[in-house]
Amino acid sequence: MRKLIERKTRSRDVVENLLSKLGLNDEQAAEVAEVSIEFVQKIRAQLNKKKKLD
C-alpha cells in the first residue's frame, strides 16, 4: 500500500511539472507520465484552483 501511495505522489509531481513548467496539454502529459487523461485533468483542475487563490 505504501508503494502505491508513493507512486501516485511521484506521478502527481511529474504531471504538475509537465503542465506548469513545460506547458504540455492533458493528452501529452498523460502519455509522458504514463497515467490516465482523467488523472491529468484532475491535477490541472487543482492547479487552476490553486492559481486562482494565489
Protein backbone atom coordinates (compact mmCIF):
# COMPACT_ATOMS: atom_id res chain seq x y z
CA MET A 1 0.00 0.00 0.00
CA ARG A 2 2.82 2.39 0.84
CA LYS A 3 4.47 1.87 -2.57
CA LEU A 4 1.18 2.65 -4.33
CA ILE A 5 0.86 5.93 -2.42
CA GLU A 6 4.48 6.82 -3.18
CA ARG A 7 3.95 6.07 -6.88
CA LYS A 8 0.82 8.24 -7.02
CA THR A 9 2.66 11.07 -5.27
CA ARG A 10 5.53 10.84 -7.76
CA SER A 11 3.09 10.69 -10.68
CA ARG A 12 1.31 13.77 -9.36
CA ASP A 13 4.60 15.67 -9.06
CA VAL A 14 5.61 14.69 -12.59
CA VAL A 15 2.24 15.72 -14.03
CA GLU A 16 2.33 19.06 -12.20
CA ASN A 17 5.75 19.79 -13.70
CA LEU A 18 4.71 18.71 -17.18
CA LEU A 19 1.70 21.01 -17.05
CA SER A 20 3.16 24.04 -15.32
CA LYS A 21 6.79 24.08 -16.44
CA LEU A 22 6.59 22.54 -19.91
CA GLY A 23 3.06 23.60 -20.82
CA LEU A 24 2.03 20.22 -22.18
CA ASN A 25 -1.62 19.55 -22.89
CA ASP A 26 -3.52 16.87 -20.96
CA GLU A 27 -3.03 14.14 -23.54
CA GLN A 28 0.71 14.78 -23.86
CA ALA A 29 1.21 14.88 -20.09
CA ALA A 30 -0.76 11.65 -19.64
CA GLU A 31 1.34 9.89 -22.26
CA VAL A 32 4.69 11.06 -20.87
CA ALA A 33 3.76 10.34 -17.23
CA GLU A 34 2.05 7.06 -18.14
CA VAL A 35 -1.16 7.98 -16.32
CA SER A 36 -4.76 8.42 -17.43
CA ILE A 37 -6.02 11.60 -19.03
CA GLU A 38 -8.59 11.78 -16.23
CA PHE A 39 -5.77 11.85 -13.67
CA VAL A 40 -4.10 14.72 -15.54
CA GLN A 41 -7.38 16.61 -15.81
CA LYS A 42 -7.86 16.29 -12.06
CA ILE A 43 -4.38 17.65 -11.40
CA ARG A 44 -4.91 20.52 -13.88
CA ALA A 45 -8.18 21.48 -12.17
CA GLN A 46 -6.44 21.53 -8.79
CA LEU A 47 -3.60 23.67 -10.18
CA ASN A 48 -6.08 26.11 -11.73
CA LYS A 49 -7.99 26.35 -8.47
CA LYS A 50 -4.77 26.97 -6.53
CA LYS A 51 -3.69 29.58 -9.07
CA LYS A 52 -6.98 31.48 -8.63
CA LEU A 53 -6.43 31.55 -4.86
CA ASP A 54 -2.93 33.00 -5.21
